[in-house]
Amino acid sequence: MKFGGHMKKVAVVFNGGTISMIVDERIKAAVPGLTGEEIMKMVTGIERFCEIETYTFSNLPSPHMSIENMLELSKFVKKLLAREDIHGVVVTHGTDTMEETAYLLDLTIDTPKPVVFTGAMKSSSELGYDGPSNLAEAICTAISEQAMKRGVLVCFNGKLNSASEVTKVNTLSIDAFSTPGFGPLGIVDNNEVIFYRKNTLSKKILVDNINAKVDVIKCTAGQDSSLIDYCIDKGDEGIVLEALGRGNVPPAMLTGIDRAIKKGIPVAMVSRCFEGRVHDSYGYVGGGKMLRDMGVIFVDNMPGQKARIKLILALSKTKNMDEVRAIFKEK
């Protein structure tokens, strides 16, 4: 495949995760061990498709990724994308927090060029190590013209999902990522990238620094306001509620929600359900209609971990409650 008369060039940014892990025989568990160059040697034949430049950003397990790490990764990728000779960027990442990092980059990078996340569910010491095949398919996606202007993508097990939609749905299967309710955007089949549907691009939230603390609280039957009060008292600037069903909470949580909103702390609400969106359907005490009237921000069908990323970025950009609300009205 050629680009401007020359072989296309892809930057592969290694950022840790299971794709770079091997089993340490002393402790009988997987730990970071492989370098980016060692992983690339397993992606045989890729040189027939494009030129590759490799970079090591980190070798962190994904639970070690902080929001600050994610923003630094975004800045690193931006610099690569600014180069005219780079057609796209592939980022390796651990699967546990991949969807959060990918979504943060989706919100903070404004480019038509493909940015593709991938990784592995099995370490290089296990039978069926899926890292090289996922990496090869991600690189094929990064050189595809069809992947342009689609925002950040996640390429896993031959499926392509939007960073704004995808979530990890399985703890052990190599087919670990899915888009609930809608399905993947497309597939990678025999090195060919095929898209079956369009995706709505995220409205960008461009920030230089992260300066907001936000926590997620999952609602359960009979829950009270103690966790909300704790978040307020420790200085959180925003709270995400994973509400029940269509977007409802136990009545005992209302005092905490009201206290937060009156203190100028935005409360964003998603559902703890795997599929579906929140809506002000119910008018009983603790129902969605009461919550909307109180000033709770409804966040459509987004999971709590992504709503947190968006709220952190929104509050890092502005502390004005009306402006934060406006950001959440935009996709």
Protein backbone atom coordinates (compact mmCIF):
# COMPACT_ATOMS: atom_id res chain seq x y z
CA MET A 1 0.00 0.00 0.00
CA LYS A 2 1.36 3.37 -1.03
CA PHE A 3 0.79 6.89 0.26
CA GLY A 4 1.88 9.89 -1.80
CA GLY A 5 4.06 7.66 -3.95
CA HIS A 6 5.80 6.13 -0.94
CA MET A 7 5.09 3.39 1.54
CA LYS A 8 2.78 4.63 4.29
CA LYS A 9 4.40 5.13 7.68
CA VAL A 10 2.81 4.14 10.98
CA ALA A 11 4.07 5.04 14.43
CA VAL A 12 3.56 2.23 16.95
CA VAL A 13 3.59 3.48 20.53
CA PHE A 14 4.15 0.75 23.11
CA ASN A 15 2.43 1.50 26.37
CA GLY A 16 2.61 -1.74 28.32
CA GLY A 17 -0.18 -4.18 29.08
CA THR A 18 -0.44 -7.94 28.60
CA ILE A 19 0.90 -7.70 25.05
CA SER A 20 4.34 -7.01 26.58
CA MET A 21 4.12 -9.54 29.42
CA ILE A 22 5.82 -12.86 30.07
CA VAL A 23 5.34 -15.31 32.92
CA ASP A 24 7.90 -14.93 35.69
CA GLU A 25 8.63 -18.52 36.73
CA ARG A 26 9.58 -17.42 40.24
CA ILE A 27 6.11 -16.11 41.05
CA LYS A 28 4.16 -18.01 38.37
CA ALA A 29 2.42 -14.86 37.13
CA ALA A 30 2.67 -12.53 34.13
CA VAL A 31 4.75 -9.36 34.47
CA PRO A 32 6.06 -6.76 31.98
CA GLY A 33 9.02 -8.17 30.09
CA LEU A 34 9.01 -7.80 26.30
CA THR A 35 10.29 -4.70 24.52
CA GLY A 36 8.46 -3.13 21.62
CA GLU A 37 11.14 -4.35 19.23
CA GLU A 38 10.70 -7.93 20.46
CA ILE A 39 6.94 -7.74 19.94
CA MET A 40 7.32 -6.26 16.45
CA LYS A 41 9.57 -9.16 15.41
CA MET A 42 6.55 -11.43 15.92
CA VAL A 43 4.45 -9.38 13.49
CA THR A 44 5.91 -11.12 10.47
CA GLY A 45 5.46 -9.66 6.99
CA ILE A 46 4.11 -6.30 8.07
CA GLU A 47 6.97 -4.59 6.22
CA ARG A 48 5.18 -5.47 2.97
CA PHE A 49 2.36 -3.12 3.93
CA CYS A 50 3.99 -0.08 5.50
CA GLU A 51 6.99 1.42 7.23
CA ILE A 52 7.00 1.19 11.01
CA GLU A 53 8.51 3.49 13.60
CA THR A 54 8.38 2.23 17.18
CA TYR A 55 8.34 4.23 20.39
CA THR A 56 8.14 3.16 24.02
CA PHE A 57 5.94 5.46 26.09
CA SER A 58 5.73 3.18 29.12
CA ASN A 59 5.60 -0.47 30.13
CA LEU A 60 2.82 -0.11 32.67
CA PRO A 61 0.12 -2.64 33.49
CA SER A 62 -3.14 -0.86 32.67
CA PRO A 63 -4.35 -0.65 36.31
CA HIS A 64 -1.29 1.57 36.90
CA MET A 65 -2.42 4.14 34.30
CA SER A 66 -3.49 7.44 35.85
CA ILE A 67 -5.51 10.19 34.21
CA GLU A 68 -2.31 12.25 34.13
CA ASN A 69 -0.51 9.39 32.31
CA MET A 70 -3.33 9.31 29.80
CA LEU A 71 -3.06 13.02 29.05
CA GLU A 72 0.71 12.75 28.63
CA LEU A 73 0.15 9.88 26.20
CA SER A 74 -2.32 12.07 24.32
CA LYS A 75 0.29 14.81 23.99
CA PHE A 76 2.90 12.27 22.85
CA VAL A 77 0.58 10.91 20.16
CA LYS A 78 -0.35 14.44 19.04
CA LYS A 79 3.30 15.21 18.29
CA LEU A 80 3.57 12.12 16.13
CA LEU A 81 0.37 12.94 14.28
CA ALA A 82 1.65 16.45 13.55
CA ARG A 83 4.32 14.94 11.30
CA GLU A 84 3.36 14.94 7.62
CA ASP A 85 5.05 11.58 7.02
CA ILE A 86 3.00 9.76 9.70
CA HIS A 87 -0.23 8.37 8.29
CA GLY A 88 -1.54 6.95 11.57
CA VAL A 89 -0.63 5.89 15.09
CA VAL A 90 -1.13 2.55 16.85
CA VAL A 91 -1.05 2.45 20.64
CA THR A 92 -0.67 -0.74 22.66
CA HIS A 93 -2.36 -0.74 26.04
CA GLY A 94 -3.46 -3.10 28.77
CA THR A 95 -7.08 -4.15 28.42
CA ASP A 96 -8.32 -3.27 31.92
CA THR A 97 -8.35 0.50 31.32
CA MET A 98 -7.93 0.60 27.54
CA GLU A 99 -11.41 1.99 26.94
CA GLU A 100 -10.76 4.88 29.33
CA THR A 101 -7.41 5.87 27.83
CA ALA A 102 -8.73 5.48 24.28
CA TYR A 103 -11.73 7.67 25.13
CA LEU A 104 -9.54 10.34 26.72
CA LEU A 105 -7.43 10.47 23.55
CA ASP A 106 -10.62 10.57 21.47
CA LEU A 107 -11.73 13.67 23.39
CA THR A 108 -8.34 15.42 23.41
CA ILE A 109 -6.95 14.77 19.91
CA ASP A 110 -8.42 16.55 16.91
CA THR A 111 -7.11 14.85 13.77
CA PRO A 112 -8.44 13.10 10.68
CA LYS A 113 -5.61 10.56 10.92
CA PRO A 114 -6.30 7.09 12.35
CA VAL A 115 -5.40 6.47 15.98
CA VAL A 116 -5.86 2.80 16.85
CA PHE A 117 -5.60 1.08 20.24
CA THR A 118 -4.88 -2.61 20.61
CA GLY A 119 -3.38 -5.09 23.06
CA ALA A 120 -3.64 -8.70 24.12
CA MET A 121 -5.62 -10.89 26.46
CA LYS A 122 -2.95 -13.59 26.67
CA SER A 123 0.69 -13.04 27.58
CA SER A 124 3.50 -14.15 25.30
CA SER A 125 4.08 -17.15 27.58
CA GLU A 126 0.60 -18.56 26.97
CA LEU A 127 -0.67 -20.74 24.15
CA GLY A 128 -2.65 -18.64 21.70
CA TYR A 129 -0.81 -15.37 22.39
CA ASP A 130 -2.98 -12.85 20.54
CA GLY A 131 -0.70 -9.82 20.68
CA PRO A 132 0.98 -10.08 17.25
CA SER A 133 -2.26 -10.68 15.33
CA ASN A 134 -4.03 -7.81 17.10
CA LEU A 135 -1.06 -5.54 16.43
CA ALA A 136 -0.94 -6.51 12.75
CA GLU A 137 -4.65 -5.78 12.34
CA ALA A 138 -4.31 -2.45 14.15
CA ILE A 139 -1.49 -1.45 11.80
CA CYS A 140 -3.60 -2.43 8.79
CA THR A 141 -6.33 -0.18 10.20
CA ALA A 142 -3.91 2.71 10.71
CA ILE A 143 -2.94 2.69 7.02
CA SER A 144 -6.52 2.37 5.78
CA GLU A 145 -8.09 5.39 4.11
CA GLN A 146 -11.44 4.09 5.40
CA ALA A 147 -10.25 4.65 8.97
CA MET A 148 -9.71 8.37 8.40
CA LYS A 149 -12.03 10.83 10.20
CA ARG A 150 -13.45 8.17 12.52
CA GLY A 151 -11.91 9.29 15.80
CA VAL A 152 -9.92 6.92 17.99
CA LEU A 153 -10.59 3.24 17.29
CA VAL A 154 -10.05 0.05 19.28
CA CYS A 155 -8.95 -2.94 17.20
CA PHE A 156 -9.28 -6.29 18.93
CA ASN A 157 -9.82 -9.84 17.67
CA GLY A 158 -10.51 -8.60 14.14
CA LYS A 159 -13.21 -6.15 15.25
CA LEU A 160 -13.14 -2.36 15.06
CA ASN A 161 -15.00 -0.33 17.67
CA SER A 162 -15.18 3.37 18.40
CA ALA A 163 -13.37 4.51 21.54
CA SER A 164 -16.47 6.47 22.52
CA GLU A 165 -18.67 3.35 22.38
CA VAL A 166 -16.54 0.31 23.22
CA THR A 167 -16.24 -1.42 26.57
CA LYS A 168 -14.47 -4.49 27.90
CA VAL A 169 -17.11 -7.21 28.28
CA ASN A 170 -15.12 -10.31 29.23
CA THR A 171 -12.32 -10.99 31.72
CA LEU A 172 -10.62 -13.83 29.80
CA SER A 173 -11.89 -14.22 26.22
CA ILE A 174 -9.70 -12.94 23.40
CA ASP A 175 -12.93 -11.40 22.08
CA ALA A 176 -13.01 -9.08 25.07
CA PHE A 177 -14.26 -5.82 23.57
CA SER A 178 -17.72 -4.95 22.32
CA THR A 179 -20.11 -2.07 21.69
CA PRO A 180 -23.32 -2.92 23.59
CA GLY A 181 -26.50 -2.34 21.65
CA PHE A 182 -24.86 -1.34 18.38
CA GLY A 183 -22.04 -3.76 17.58
CA PRO A 184 -18.67 -3.02 15.98
CA LEU A 185 -18.06 -0.36 13.34
CA GLY A 186 -16.29 -2.88 11.15
CA ILE A 187 -13.79 -5.68 10.87
CA VAL A 188 -10.30 -6.48 9.64
CA ASP A 189 -10.53 -9.45 7.27
CA ASN A 190 -7.42 -10.86 5.58
CA ASN A 191 -5.63 -7.51 6.12
CA GLU A 192 -8.54 -5.59 4.57
CA VAL A 193 -10.33 -3.00 6.70
CA ILE A 194 -14.11 -2.99 6.19
CA PHE A 195 -16.53 -0.60 7.89
CA TYR A 196 -20.24 -1.42 8.10
CA ARG A 197 -21.59 1.65 9.85
CA LYS A 198 -20.75 5.25 10.65
CA ASN A 199 -20.00 6.58 14.11
CA THR A 200 -20.71 9.92 15.73
CA LEU A 201 -17.49 11.79 16.40
CA SER A 202 -16.86 13.02 19.93
CA LYS A 203 -16.86 16.75 20.55
CA LYS A 204 -13.31 17.60 21.58
CA ILE A 205 -12.35 18.86 25.04
CA LEU A 206 -8.86 20.26 24.58
CA VAL A 207 -6.95 20.78 27.84
CA ASP A 208 -3.30 21.24 28.78
CA ASN A 209 -3.57 19.85 32.32
CA ILE A 210 -5.78 17.68 34.47
CA ASN A 211 -6.97 19.53 37.57
CA ALA A 212 -10.21 17.91 38.71
CA LYS A 213 -11.11 15.08 41.08
CA VAL A 214 -14.11 12.93 40.18
CA ASP A 215 -15.33 9.65 41.67
CA VAL A 216 -17.89 7.07 40.52
CA ILE A 217 -20.55 5.71 42.88
CA LYS A 218 -22.58 2.63 41.96
CA CYS A 219 -26.14 2.70 43.28
CA THR A 220 -27.54 -0.38 45.02
CA ALA A 221 -30.81 -1.23 46.74
CA GLY A 222 -31.27 0.62 50.03
CA GLN A 223 -28.14 2.76 49.62
CA ASP A 224 -27.87 6.05 51.51
CA SER A 225 -25.92 9.28 51.01
CA SER A 226 -22.81 8.31 52.99
CA LEU A 227 -20.58 7.75 49.94
CA ILE A 228 -21.75 10.97 48.32
CA ASP A 229 -21.10 12.86 51.56
CA TYR A 230 -17.63 11.31 51.74
CA CYS A 231 -16.83 12.46 48.18
CA ILE A 232 -18.01 15.98 48.98
CA ASP A 233 -16.05 16.16 52.23
CA LYS A 234 -12.81 14.94 50.66
CA GLY A 235 -12.97 17.63 48.01
CA ASP A 236 -14.31 15.98 44.88
CA GLU A 237 -15.24 18.49 42.19
CA GLY A 238 -17.59 16.13 40.39
CA ILE A 239 -19.47 12.89 41.02
CA VAL A 240 -20.69 10.22 38.60
CA LEU A 241 -23.61 8.07 39.70
CA GLU A 242 -24.19 4.65 38.18
CA ALA A 243 -27.91 4.76 38.82
CA LEU A 244 -30.49 2.00 38.86
CA GLY A 245 -32.28 1.05 35.67
CA ARG A 246 -33.52 3.95 33.55
CA GLY A 247 -31.87 6.44 35.90
CA ASN A 248 -33.29 6.22 39.41
CA VAL A 249 -31.82 6.14 42.93
CA PRO A 250 -32.93 4.97 46.39
CA PRO A 251 -34.66 7.86 48.23
CA ALA A 252 -31.98 7.97 50.93
CA MET A 253 -29.43 9.13 48.33
CA LEU A 254 -31.35 12.29 47.51
CA THR A 255 -30.01 14.36 50.42
CA GLY A 256 -26.44 13.75 49.32
CA ILE A 257 -27.21 14.52 45.67
CA ASP A 258 -28.97 17.73 46.67
CA ARG A 259 -26.07 18.73 48.92
CA ALA A 260 -23.53 18.19 46.16
CA ILE A 261 -25.45 20.19 43.56
CA LYS A 262 -26.07 23.07 45.99
CA LYS A 263 -22.31 23.18 46.64
CA GLY A 264 -21.70 23.57 42.89
CA ILE A 265 -20.48 19.99 42.41
CA PRO A 266 -21.87 18.57 39.15
CA VAL A 267 -23.52 15.16 39.50
CA ALA A 268 -23.55 13.21 36.26
CA MET A 269 -25.72 10.11 35.97
CA VAL A 270 -25.46 6.94 33.89
CA SER A 271 -27.16 3.59 34.35
CA ARG A 272 -25.48 0.60 35.96
CA CYS A 273 -27.23 -1.47 33.26
CA PHE A 274 -25.07 -2.91 30.51
CA GLU A 275 -27.27 -1.52 27.73
CA GLY A 276 -29.69 1.38 27.31
CA ARG A 277 -29.73 5.08 28.15
CA VAL A 278 -30.85 7.09 31.14
CA HIS A 279 -34.08 9.09 30.89
CA ASP A 280 -36.43 11.00 33.18
CA SER A 281 -39.21 8.44 32.81
CA TYR A 282 -40.24 8.00 36.44
CA GLY A 283 -41.86 10.57 38.71
CA TYR A 284 -41.67 8.86 42.10
CA VAL A 285 -39.28 9.93 44.88
CA GLY A 286 -35.77 9.17 43.61
CA GLY A 287 -37.01 8.75 40.05
CA GLY A 288 -35.39 10.28 36.99
CA LYS A 289 -37.82 13.21 36.74
CA MET A 290 -36.97 14.33 40.27
CA LEU A 291 -33.25 13.93 39.61
CA ARG A 292 -33.39 16.02 36.45
CA ASP A 293 -35.38 18.72 38.26
CA MET A 294 -32.68 18.73 40.97
CA GLY A 295 -30.02 19.42 38.34
CA VAL A 296 -28.47 16.00 37.77
CA ILE A 297 -26.74 15.72 34.37
CA PHE A 298 -28.07 12.80 32.30
CA VAL A 299 -25.30 11.08 30.29
CA ASP A 300 -27.22 9.03 27.71
CA ASN A 301 -25.83 5.45 27.35
CA MET A 302 -22.24 5.98 28.49
CA PRO A 303 -20.73 3.71 31.19
CA GLY A 304 -19.60 5.26 34.44
CA GLN A 305 -15.87 4.96 33.77
CA LYS A 306 -16.18 7.00 30.56
CA ALA A 307 -18.54 9.55 32.08
CA ARG A 308 -15.84 10.10 34.71
CA ILE A 309 -13.21 10.74 32.02
CA LYS A 310 -15.48 13.25 30.30
CA LEU A 311 -16.37 15.01 33.56
CA ILE A 312 -12.69 15.24 34.59
CA LEU A 313 -11.82 16.84 31.24
CA ALA A 314 -14.83 19.15 31.35
CA LEU A 315 -13.91 20.36 34.85
CA SER A 316 -10.27 20.73 33.83
CA LYS A 317 -11.45 23.06 31.07
CA THR A 318 -14.04 25.03 33.07
CA LYS A 319 -15.47 25.16 36.58
CA ASN A 320 -18.62 26.89 35.35
CA MET A 321 -21.56 24.54 35.94
CA ASP A 322 -23.53 25.78 32.90
CA GLU A 323 -20.51 25.24 30.64
CA VAL A 324 -20.01 21.74 32.05
CA ARG A 325 -23.68 20.97 31.35
CA ALA A 326 -23.26 22.25 27.79
CA ILE A 327 -20.27 19.95 27.24
CA PHE A 328 -22.39 16.96 28.23
CA LYS A 329 -25.14 17.96 25.82
CA GLU A 330 -22.63 17.57 23.00
CA LYS A 331 -21.64 14.11 21.80
